[in-house]
Amino acid sequence: MAANTLPRHPQSAAMIARVPRTVARRAHSWRVVALIVTWATLSLGGVIARSSAADAPPHRPTTLSARTPRVIVESVRPARGGPQATRYGLTDRDVAAMREVVPSVITAVPSRVMPLDARRGEEALTVRSVGTTADASALHGFHLTQGRFLSTADGDSLRTVAVLSNRVARGLFPHDEPVGQTVRLGRHAFVVVGVLTAEAAAPALDVFIPLSTMRARYGDTILTQAAGAFEAEQVEISRVELAIANAADVPQATATVVELLNRLHDDRSYRVTDSTAIPAPRPEGASP
């Protein structure tokens, strides 16, 4: 489904249209973003309040599952451009704006991906460290063989806790129980609080940590080595999944996201798809 040809939601379109393009692009502080969002919300508050009950969905689910319809927004790296840090992709302000204006959103689940070396004693692996929030577990249908997933309190308190995929747990703890043990991710130590089942629909070498902790401990800059040279990139958010209350609202929500991001970004360093175009993820070890 082509995102740029989808119908607009009238209320969301009006809110987006009233956010001045130049101001939105320069909204580098939370204070400015808050003013923009508050202005748009108050401007349309009367319209929304007068909406007919017949126009509202009969039921707005409060629980998440792997079947919840969603809009997926991903940061896309532009062409490589020399040794200077390349800043691109989704930002905190984008997530705040999408939560506010996209119709029928239950919640937004942001994530940030960073390759890191994981070590425990003599055992070592290069893993995909995923900074995310507590809702990621329910939204992806994760099941755990030990311990628990990340909690809201973990993120609020910037806790250094980690949930390991089953393969990472076996690789770092071939003879011991991982929960309660410490692993090093790069230069920082994390306490293992959970282990996913082998059937969990997550990449085999994932390690999940609180997004807020990742941002605080590692910052937004990633150094990568290619062709013998180091390159730096700055990304606040790698991916956002917007859980939508009703599948029928997904096309409108997708169109709203596209229009909103077009106003907030001068470049097109993002990609928008929806759950109807995303194949179901395969469990660890499943054949293609």
C-alpha atoms as a PDB file:
ATOM      1  CA  MET A   1       0.000   0.000   0.000  1.00  0.00           C
ATOM      2  CA  ALA A   2       1.568   3.297  -1.078  1.00  0.00           C
ATOM      3  CA  ALA A   3       1.669   5.629   1.897  1.00  0.00           C
ATOM      4  CA  ASN A   4       1.652   8.814  -0.199  1.00  0.00           C
ATOM      5  CA  THR A   5      -1.662   7.941  -1.874  1.00  0.00           C
ATOM      6  CA  LEU A   6      -3.655   7.163   1.276  1.00  0.00           C
ATOM      7  CA  PRO A   7      -6.632   9.312   2.360  1.00  0.00           C
ATOM      8  CA  ARG A   8      -6.139  11.933   5.032  1.00  0.00           C
ATOM      9  CA  HIS A   9      -7.885  11.969   8.371  1.00  0.00           C
ATOM     10  CA  PRO A  10      -9.676  15.379   8.397  1.00  0.00           C
ATOM     11  CA  GLN A  11      -8.968  16.298  12.032  1.00  0.00           C
ATOM     12  CA  SER A  12      -5.323  15.228  11.944  1.00  0.00           C
ATOM     13  CA  ALA A  13      -4.791  16.944   8.599  1.00  0.00           C
ATOM     14  CA  ALA A  14      -6.161  20.179  10.020  1.00  0.00           C
ATOM     15  CA  MET A  15      -3.872  19.953  13.053  1.00  0.00           C
ATOM     16  CA  ILE A  16      -0.821  19.320  10.899  1.00  0.00           C
ATOM     17  CA  ALA A  17      -1.701  22.120   8.487  1.00  0.00           C
ATOM     18  CA  ARG A  18      -1.854  24.642  11.313  1.00  0.00           C
ATOM     19  CA  VAL A  19       1.660  23.868  12.517  1.00  0.00           C
ATOM     20  CA  PRO A  20       3.855  26.396  10.645  1.00  0.00           C
ATOM     21  CA  ARG A  21       6.392  24.527   8.515  1.00  0.00           C
ATOM     22  CA  THR A  22       9.343  26.756   9.450  1.00  0.00           C
ATOM     23  CA  VAL A  23       8.591  26.614  13.161  1.00  0.00           C
ATOM     24  CA  ALA A  24       8.175  22.831  13.135  1.00  0.00           C
ATOM     25  CA  ARG A  25      11.520  22.350  11.450  1.00  0.00           C
ATOM     26  CA  ARG A  26      13.248  24.561  13.991  1.00  0.00           C
ATOM     27  CA  ALA A  27      11.620  22.973  17.055  1.00  0.00           C
ATOM     28  CA  HIS A  28      14.815  21.760  18.647  1.00  0.00           C
ATOM     29  CA  SER A  29      13.669  22.080  22.242  1.00  0.00           C
ATOM     30  CA  TRP A  30      10.908  20.347  24.161  1.00  0.00           C
ATOM     31  CA  ARG A  31       9.501  23.750  25.135  1.00  0.00           C
ATOM     32  CA  VAL A  32       8.881  24.746  21.523  1.00  0.00           C
ATOM     33  CA  VAL A  33       7.445  21.325  20.686  1.00  0.00           C
ATOM     34  CA  ALA A  34       5.106  21.555  23.683  1.00  0.00           C
ATOM     35  CA  LEU A  35       3.878  24.961  22.568  1.00  0.00           C
ATOM     36  CA  ILE A  36       3.199  23.707  19.042  1.00  0.00           C
ATOM     37  CA  VAL A  37       1.335  20.628  20.211  1.00  0.00           C
ATOM     38  CA  THR A  38      -0.669  22.587  22.812  1.00  0.00           C
ATOM     39  CA  TRP A  39      -1.618  25.222  20.238  1.00  0.00           C
ATOM     40  CA  ALA A  40      -2.803  22.592  17.752  1.00  0.00           C
ATOM     41  CA  THR A  41      -4.707  20.681  20.405  1.00  0.00           C
ATOM     42  CA  LEU A  42      -6.518  23.728  21.796  1.00  0.00           C
ATOM     43  CA  SER A  43      -7.362  24.968  18.315  1.00  0.00           C
ATOM     44  CA  LEU A  44      -9.204  21.770  17.493  1.00  0.00           C
ATOM     45  CA  GLY A  45     -10.415  20.882  20.950  1.00  0.00           C
ATOM     46  CA  GLY A  46     -13.915  22.089  20.222  1.00  0.00           C
ATOM     47  CA  VAL A  47     -14.101  20.183  16.963  1.00  0.00           C
ATOM     48  CA  ILE A  48     -12.960  16.955  18.562  1.00  0.00           C
ATOM     49  CA  ALA A  49     -15.313  17.393  21.505  1.00  0.00           C
ATOM     50  CA  ARG A  50     -18.255  17.824  19.137  1.00  0.00           C
ATOM     51  CA  SER A  51     -17.451  14.703  17.125  1.00  0.00           C
ATOM     52  CA  SER A  52     -20.431  12.373  16.900  1.00  0.00           C
ATOM     53  CA  ALA A  53     -20.312   9.211  18.970  1.00  0.00           C
ATOM     54  CA  ALA A  54     -21.167   7.365  15.787  1.00  0.00           C
ATOM     55  CA  ASP A  55     -17.843   8.476  14.302  1.00  0.00           C
ATOM     56  CA  ALA A  56     -15.819   7.047  17.198  1.00  0.00           C
ATOM     57  CA  PRO A  57     -14.752   3.407  17.274  1.00  0.00           C
ATOM     58  CA  PRO A  58     -17.122   1.307  19.406  1.00  0.00           C
ATOM     59  CA  HIS A  59     -14.244  -0.126  21.406  1.00  0.00           C
ATOM     60  CA  ARG A  60     -10.717   1.140  22.006  1.00  0.00           C
ATOM     61  CA  PRO A  61      -8.569  -1.752  23.254  1.00  0.00           C
ATOM     62  CA  THR A  62      -6.160  -0.986  26.056  1.00  0.00           C
ATOM     63  CA  THR A  63      -4.102  -4.166  25.740  1.00  0.00           C
ATOM     64  CA  LEU A  64      -1.392  -4.847  23.176  1.00  0.00           C
ATOM     65  CA  SER A  65      -0.547  -8.051  21.346  1.00  0.00           C
ATOM     66  CA  ALA A  66       1.370  -9.260  18.313  1.00  0.00           C
ATOM     67  CA  ARG A  67      -1.925  -8.927  16.394  1.00  0.00           C
ATOM     68  CA  THR A  68      -2.387  -5.241  17.195  1.00  0.00           C
ATOM     69  CA  PRO A  69      -2.499  -3.226  13.939  1.00  0.00           C
ATOM     70  CA  ARG A  70       0.319  -0.731  13.676  1.00  0.00           C
ATOM     71  CA  VAL A  71       2.168   1.859  11.635  1.00  0.00           C
ATOM     72  CA  ILE A  72       5.941   1.360  11.501  1.00  0.00           C
ATOM     73  CA  VAL A  73       8.271   4.325  11.036  1.00  0.00           C
ATOM     74  CA  GLU A  74      12.011   3.718  10.565  1.00  0.00           C
ATOM     75  CA  SER A  75      15.022   5.976  10.271  1.00  0.00           C
ATOM     76  CA  VAL A  76      16.826   5.628   6.928  1.00  0.00           C
ATOM     77  CA  ARG A  77      20.494   6.528   6.638  1.00  0.00           C
ATOM     78  CA  PRO A  78      21.336   8.916   3.772  1.00  0.00           C
ATOM     79  CA  ALA A  79      24.290   8.371   1.456  1.00  0.00           C
ATOM     80  CA  ARG A  80      27.619   8.204   3.274  1.00  0.00           C
ATOM     81  CA  GLY A  81      29.196  11.599   3.554  1.00  0.00           C
ATOM     82  CA  GLY A  82      32.714  11.673   4.930  1.00  0.00           C
ATOM     83  CA  PRO A  83      34.233  11.605   8.413  1.00  0.00           C
ATOM     84  CA  GLN A  84      31.880  14.136  10.030  1.00  0.00           C
ATOM     85  CA  ALA A  85      28.963  12.838  12.081  1.00  0.00           C
ATOM     86  CA  THR A  86      25.833  12.380   9.992  1.00  0.00           C
ATOM     87  CA  ARG A  87      22.655  13.284  11.880  1.00  0.00           C
ATOM     88  CA  TYR A  88      19.470  11.837  10.450  1.00  0.00           C
ATOM     89  CA  GLY A  89      16.257  10.034  11.136  1.00  0.00           C
ATOM     90  CA  LEU A  90      13.550  10.140  13.756  1.00  0.00           C
ATOM     91  CA  THR A  91      13.705  12.284  16.883  1.00  0.00           C
ATOM     92  CA  ASP A  92      11.974  12.560  20.240  1.00  0.00           C
ATOM     93  CA  ARG A  93       9.915  15.459  18.911  1.00  0.00           C
ATOM     94  CA  ASP A  94       8.664  13.249  16.069  1.00  0.00           C
ATOM     95  CA  VAL A  95       7.471  10.641  18.554  1.00  0.00           C
ATOM     96  CA  ALA A  96       5.716  13.284  20.674  1.00  0.00           C
ATOM     97  CA  ALA A  97       4.013  14.770  17.629  1.00  0.00           C
ATOM     98  CA  MET A  98       2.871  11.381  16.315  1.00  0.00           C
ATOM     99  CA  ARG A  99       1.392  10.480  19.698  1.00  0.00           C
ATOM    100  CA  GLU A 100      -0.572  13.721  19.621  1.00  0.00           C
ATOM    101  CA  VAL A 101      -1.974  13.942  16.098  1.00  0.00           C
ATOM    102  CA  VAL A 102      -2.137  10.426  14.605  1.00  0.00           C
ATOM    103  CA  PRO A 103      -5.709   9.094  14.869  1.00  0.00           C
ATOM    104  CA  SER A 104      -6.583   6.055  17.020  1.00  0.00           C
ATOM    105  CA  VAL A 105      -3.105   5.624  18.531  1.00  0.00           C
ATOM    106  CA  ILE A 106      -3.062   3.381  21.606  1.00  0.00           C
ATOM    107  CA  THR A 107       0.638   3.917  22.257  1.00  0.00           C
ATOM    108  CA  ALA A 108       3.941   4.567  20.507  1.00  0.00           C
ATOM    109  CA  VAL A 109       6.822   2.148  21.074  1.00  0.00           C
ATOM    110  CA  PRO A 110      10.178   3.715  20.113  1.00  0.00           C
ATOM    111  CA  SER A 111      13.420   1.803  19.845  1.00  0.00           C
ATOM    112  CA  ARG A 112      17.071   2.512  19.176  1.00  0.00           C
ATOM    113  CA  VAL A 113      19.463  -0.105  17.780  1.00  0.00           C
ATOM    114  CA  MET A 114      23.200  -0.114  18.456  1.00  0.00           C
ATOM    115  CA  PRO A 115      25.777  -2.860  17.772  1.00  0.00           C
ATOM    116  CA  LEU A 116      27.792  -3.634  20.884  1.00  0.00           C
ATOM    117  CA  ASP A 117      30.233  -6.239  22.121  1.00  0.00           C
ATOM    118  CA  ALA A 118      28.700  -8.305  24.921  1.00  0.00           C
ATOM    119  CA  ARG A 119      31.038 -10.007  27.393  1.00  0.00           C
ATOM    120  CA  ARG A 120      30.741 -12.225  30.403  1.00  0.00           C
ATOM    121  CA  GLY A 121      34.037 -13.603  31.631  1.00  0.00           C
ATOM    122  CA  GLU A 122      35.766 -15.315  28.706  1.00  0.00           C
ATOM    123  CA  GLU A 123      32.588 -15.473  26.610  1.00  0.00           C
ATOM    124  CA  ALA A 124      31.970 -12.724  24.048  1.00  0.00           C
ATOM    125  CA  LEU A 125      29.463 -11.961  21.294  1.00  0.00           C
ATOM    126  CA  THR A 126      28.699  -9.032  19.031  1.00  0.00           C
ATOM    127  CA  VAL A 127      25.043  -8.311  19.693  1.00  0.00           C
ATOM    128  CA  ARG A 128      22.300  -6.003  18.507  1.00  0.00           C
ATOM    129  CA  SER A 129      21.531  -3.892  21.554  1.00  0.00           C
ATOM    130  CA  VAL A 130      17.940  -2.636  21.388  1.00  0.00           C
ATOM    131  CA  GLY A 131      16.892   0.258  23.587  1.00  0.00           C
ATOM    132  CA  THR A 132      13.123   0.179  23.957  1.00  0.00           C
ATOM    133  CA  THR A 133      10.204   0.480  26.376  1.00  0.00           C
ATOM    134  CA  ALA A 134       8.089  -1.925  28.399  1.00  0.00           C
ATOM    135  CA  ASP A 135       5.318  -2.118  25.764  1.00  0.00           C
ATOM    136  CA  ALA A 136       7.649  -3.802  23.254  1.00  0.00           C
ATOM    137  CA  SER A 137       7.121  -7.195  24.893  1.00  0.00           C
ATOM    138  CA  ALA A 138       3.347  -7.242  24.498  1.00  0.00           C
ATOM    139  CA  LEU A 139       3.420  -5.650  21.056  1.00  0.00           C
ATOM    140  CA  HIS A 140       5.775  -8.344  19.743  1.00  0.00           C
ATOM    141  CA  GLY A 141       4.290 -11.219  21.704  1.00  0.00           C
ATOM    142  CA  PHE A 142       7.524 -12.028  23.514  1.00  0.00           C
ATOM    143  CA  HIS A 143       7.575 -14.944  25.944  1.00  0.00           C
ATOM    144  CA  LEU A 144      10.278 -15.496  28.530  1.00  0.00           C
ATOM    145  CA  THR A 145      11.844 -18.678  29.769  1.00  0.00           C
ATOM    146  CA  GLN A 146      13.316 -16.906  32.803  1.00  0.00           C
ATOM    147  CA  GLY A 147      12.749 -13.656  34.659  1.00  0.00           C
ATOM    148  CA  ARG A 148      10.849 -10.700  33.224  1.00  0.00           C
ATOM    149  CA  PHE A 149      10.910  -8.135  30.453  1.00  0.00           C
ATOM    150  CA  LEU A 150      11.738  -4.460  30.895  1.00  0.00           C
ATOM    151  CA  SER A 151       9.380  -2.429  33.067  1.00  0.00           C
ATOM    152  CA  THR A 152       8.289   1.196  33.014  1.00  0.00           C
ATOM    153  CA  ALA A 153      10.180   1.697  36.279  1.00  0.00           C
ATOM    154  CA  ASP A 154      13.384   0.466  34.598  1.00  0.00           C
ATOM    155  CA  GLY A 155      13.162   3.280  32.084  1.00  0.00           C
ATOM    156  CA  ASP A 156      12.067   5.933  34.556  1.00  0.00           C
ATOM    157  CA  SER A 157      14.993   5.113  36.860  1.00  0.00           C
ATOM    158  CA  LEU A 158      17.599   4.623  34.095  1.00  0.00           C
ATOM    159  CA  ARG A 159      18.302   1.127  35.401  1.00  0.00           C
ATOM    160  CA  THR A 160      21.139  -0.878  33.860  1.00  0.00           C
ATOM    161  CA  VAL A 161      19.128  -4.045  33.275  1.00  0.00           C
ATOM    162  CA  ALA A 162      18.995  -6.307  30.221  1.00  0.00           C
ATOM    163  CA  VAL A 163      16.822  -9.000  28.667  1.00  0.00           C
ATOM    164  CA  LEU A 164      18.696 -11.511  26.515  1.00  0.00           C
ATOM    165  CA  SER A 165      17.550 -13.451  23.495  1.00  0.00           C
ATOM    166  CA  ASN A 166      17.818 -17.181  24.005  1.00  0.00           C
ATOM    167  CA  ARG A 167      20.877 -17.484  21.764  1.00  0.00           C
ATOM    168  CA  VAL A 168      22.735 -14.688  23.546  1.00  0.00           C
ATOM    169  CA  ALA A 169      21.927 -16.299  26.899  1.00  0.00           C
ATOM    170  CA  ARG A 170      23.311 -19.651  25.731  1.00  0.00           C
ATOM    171  CA  GLY A 171      26.413 -18.018  24.261  1.00  0.00           C
ATOM    172  CA  LEU A 172      27.323 -15.942  27.306  1.00  0.00           C
ATOM    173  CA  PHE A 173      26.115 -18.388  29.957  1.00  0.00           C
ATOM    174  CA  PRO A 174      26.757 -21.884  28.604  1.00  0.00           C
ATOM    175  CA  HIS A 175      26.811 -23.440  32.092  1.00  0.00           C
ATOM    176  CA  ASP A 176      25.009 -20.959  34.363  1.00  0.00           C
ATOM    177  CA  GLU A 177      21.594 -19.383  34.835  1.00  0.00           C
ATOM    178  CA  PRO A 178      21.761 -15.845  33.383  1.00  0.00           C
ATOM    179  CA  VAL A 179      19.150 -14.047  35.523  1.00  0.00           C
ATOM    180  CA  GLY A 180      20.803 -12.036  38.255  1.00  0.00           C
ATOM    181  CA  GLN A 181      24.219 -12.231  36.574  1.00  0.00           C
ATOM    182  CA  THR A 182      26.112  -9.300  35.059  1.00  0.00           C
ATOM    183  CA  VAL A 183      27.080  -8.795  31.414  1.00  0.00           C
ATOM    184  CA  ARG A 184      29.107  -6.006  29.876  1.00  0.00           C
ATOM    185  CA  LEU A 185      27.670  -4.214  26.857  1.00  0.00           C
ATOM    186  CA  GLY A 186      30.515  -2.153  25.516  1.00  0.00           C
ATOM    187  CA  ARG A 187      31.938  -0.289  28.493  1.00  0.00           C
ATOM    188  CA  HIS A 188      28.906  -0.602  30.780  1.00  0.00           C
ATOM    189  CA  ALA A 189      27.727  -3.441  33.040  1.00  0.00           C
ATOM    190  CA  PHE A 190      24.089  -4.621  33.012  1.00  0.00           C
ATOM    191  CA  VAL A 191      22.221  -7.052  35.254  1.00  0.00           C
ATOM    192  CA  VAL A 192      20.264  -9.724  33.377  1.00  0.00           C
ATOM    193  CA  VAL A 193      16.596  -9.699  34.434  1.00  0.00           C
ATOM    194  CA  GLY A 194      15.099 -11.958  31.763  1.00  0.00           C
ATOM    195  CA  VAL A 195      15.704 -14.427  28.926  1.00  0.00           C
ATOM    196  CA  LEU A 196      13.415 -14.828  25.925  1.00  0.00           C
ATOM    197  CA  THR A 197      12.270 -18.250  24.767  1.00  0.00           C
ATOM    198  CA  ALA A 198      13.866 -19.722  21.657  1.00  0.00           C
ATOM    199  CA  GLU A 199      10.501 -19.276  19.927  1.00  0.00           C
ATOM    200  CA  ALA A 200      10.379 -15.532  20.603  1.00  0.00           C
ATOM    201  CA  ALA A 201       9.917 -13.480  17.441  1.00  0.00           C
ATOM    202  CA  ALA A 202      13.136 -11.487  17.869  1.00  0.00           C
ATOM    203  CA  PRO A 203      16.471 -11.558  16.040  1.00  0.00           C
ATOM    204  CA  ALA A 204      18.781 -14.181  17.513  1.00  0.00           C
ATOM    205  CA  LEU A 205      21.440 -11.810  18.832  1.00  0.00           C
ATOM    206  CA  ASP A 206      19.205  -9.150  20.406  1.00  0.00           C
ATOM    207  CA  VAL A 207      19.755  -7.728  23.881  1.00  0.00           C
ATOM    208  CA  PHE A 208      17.001  -5.419  25.161  1.00  0.00           C
ATOM    209  CA  ILE A 209      17.753  -2.547  27.545  1.00  0.00           C
ATOM    210  CA  PRO A 210      15.711   0.523  28.567  1.00  0.00           C
ATOM    211  CA  LEU A 211      15.782   3.166  25.832  1.00  0.00           C
ATOM    212  CA  SER A 212      16.356   5.925  28.377  1.00  0.00           C
ATOM    213  CA  THR A 213      19.338   4.044  29.801  1.00  0.00           C
ATOM    214  CA  MET A 214      20.826   3.552  26.331  1.00  0.00           C
ATOM    215  CA  ARG A 215      20.523   7.257  25.573  1.00  0.00           C
ATOM    216  CA  ALA A 216      22.050   8.231  28.929  1.00  0.00           C
ATOM    217  CA  ARG A 217      24.935   5.734  28.838  1.00  0.00           C
ATOM    218  CA  TYR A 218      25.888   5.697  25.154  1.00  0.00           C
ATOM    219  CA  GLY A 219      24.530   8.943  23.709  1.00  0.00           C
ATOM    220  CA  ASP A 220      23.189   9.286  20.173  1.00  0.00           C
ATOM    221  CA  THR A 221      26.431   8.831  18.210  1.00  0.00           C
ATOM    222  CA  ILE A 222      27.486   5.480  16.753  1.00  0.00           C
ATOM    223  CA  LEU A 223      30.978   4.897  15.368  1.00  0.00           C
ATOM    224  CA  THR A 224      31.284   2.321  12.595  1.00  0.00           C
ATOM    225  CA  GLN A 225      34.310   1.155  10.656  1.00  0.00           C
ATOM    226  CA  ALA A 226      34.107   0.702   6.894  1.00  0.00           C
ATOM    227  CA  ALA A 227      36.946   0.317   4.386  1.00  0.00           C
ATOM    228  CA  GLY A 228      39.502   1.023   7.093  1.00  0.00           C
ATOM    229  CA  ALA A 229      37.948   4.347   8.131  1.00  0.00           C
ATOM    230  CA  PHE A 230      35.631   5.292  10.982  1.00  0.00           C
ATOM    231  CA  GLU A 231      32.290   6.954  10.334  1.00  0.00           C
ATOM    232  CA  ALA A 232      29.990   8.546  12.888  1.00  0.00           C
ATOM    233  CA  GLU A 233      26.237   8.799  12.756  1.00  0.00           C
ATOM    234  CA  GLN A 234      23.782  10.424  15.145  1.00  0.00           C
ATOM    235  CA  VAL A 235      20.330   8.895  15.474  1.00  0.00           C
ATOM    236  CA  GLU A 236      17.916   9.515  18.339  1.00  0.00           C
ATOM    237  CA  ILE A 237      15.315   6.891  17.399  1.00  0.00           C
ATOM    238  CA  SER A 238      15.792   3.981  14.992  1.00  0.00           C
ATOM    239  CA  ARG A 239      12.183   2.856  14.811  1.00  0.00           C
ATOM    240  CA  VAL A 240       8.741   3.728  16.148  1.00  0.00           C
ATOM    241  CA  GLU A 241       5.766   1.387  16.141  1.00  0.00           C
ATOM    242  CA  LEU A 242       2.417   3.120  16.529  1.00  0.00           C
ATOM    243  CA  ALA A 243      -0.191   0.703  17.872  1.00  0.00           C
ATOM    244  CA  ILE A 244      -3.552   1.555  16.272  1.00  0.00           C
ATOM    245  CA  ALA A 245      -6.872   0.791  17.957  1.00  0.00           C
ATOM    246  CA  ASN A 246      -8.662  -0.420  14.826  1.00  0.00           C
ATOM    247  CA  ALA A 247      -7.337  -1.967  11.632  1.00  0.00           C
ATOM    248  CA  ALA A 248      -9.707   0.225   9.610  1.00  0.00           C
ATOM    249  CA  ASP A 249      -7.869   3.316  10.909  1.00  0.00           C
ATOM    250  CA  VAL A 250      -4.420   2.177   9.726  1.00  0.00           C
ATOM    251  CA  PRO A 251      -4.601   3.814   6.245  1.00  0.00           C
ATOM    252  CA  GLN A 252      -5.583   7.182   7.734  1.00  0.00           C
ATOM    253  CA  ALA A 253      -2.943   6.890  10.449  1.00  0.00           C
ATOM    254  CA  THR A 254      -0.257   6.053   7.869  1.00  0.00           C
ATOM    255  CA  ALA A 255      -1.176   9.034   5.709  1.00  0.00           C
ATOM    256  CA  THR A 256      -1.119  11.331   8.742  1.00  0.00           C
ATOM    257  CA  VAL A 257       2.368  10.135   9.726  1.00  0.00           C
ATOM    258  CA  VAL A 258       3.692  10.753   6.209  1.00  0.00           C
ATOM    259  CA  GLU A 259       2.304  14.293   6.077  1.00  0.00           C
ATOM    260  CA  LEU A 260       3.508  15.097   9.593  1.00  0.00           C
ATOM    261  CA  LEU A 261       7.071  13.923   8.948  1.00  0.00           C
ATOM    262  CA  ASN A 262       7.179  15.770   5.634  1.00  0.00           C
ATOM    263  CA  ARG A 263       6.578  18.949   7.610  1.00  0.00           C
ATOM    264  CA  LEU A 264       9.022  18.159  10.404  1.00  0.00           C
ATOM    265  CA  HIS A 265      11.942  17.061   8.180  1.00  0.00           C
ATOM    266  CA  ASP A 266      13.740  18.731   5.294  1.00  0.00           C
ATOM    267  CA  ASP A 267      15.120  15.372   4.198  1.00  0.00           C
ATOM    268  CA  ARG A 268      13.399  12.022   3.729  1.00  0.00           C
ATOM    269  CA  SER A 269      15.520  10.081   6.195  1.00  0.00           C
ATOM    270  CA  TYR A 270      12.629   7.874   7.243  1.00  0.00           C
ATOM    271  CA  ARG A 271      10.409   5.127   5.868  1.00  0.00           C
ATOM    272  CA  VAL A 272       6.722   4.585   6.724  1.00  0.00           C
ATOM    273  CA  THR A 273       4.937   1.255   6.327  1.00  0.00           C
ATOM    274  CA  ASP A 274       2.038  -0.432   8.066  1.00  0.00           C
ATOM    275  CA  SER A 275       1.389  -3.866   9.511  1.00  0.00           C
ATOM    276  CA  THR A 276      -0.389  -5.048   6.367  1.00  0.00           C
ATOM    277  CA  ALA A 277       2.925  -4.835   4.484  1.00  0.00           C
ATOM    278  CA  ILE A 278       5.172  -6.396   7.149  1.00  0.00           C
ATOM    279  CA  PRO A 279       5.719 -10.179   7.082  1.00  0.00           C
ATOM    280  CA  ALA A 280       5.441 -11.948  10.417  1.00  0.00           C
ATOM    281  CA  PRO A 281       8.879 -12.233  12.069  1.00  0.00           C
ATOM    282  CA  ARG A 282      10.431 -15.691  12.310  1.00  0.00           C
ATOM    283  CA  PRO A 283      11.489 -17.159  15.631  1.00  0.00           C
ATOM    284  CA  GLU A 284      15.160 -17.746  16.390  1.00  0.00           C
ATOM    285  CA  GLY A 285      16.690 -20.443  14.242  1.00  0.00           C
ATOM    286  CA  ALA A 286      13.726 -20.707  11.859  1.00  0.00           C
ATOM    287  CA  SER A 287      14.655 -21.408   8.255  1.00  0.00           C
ATOM    288  CA  PRO A 288      13.891 -18.688   5.646  1.00  0.00           C
END
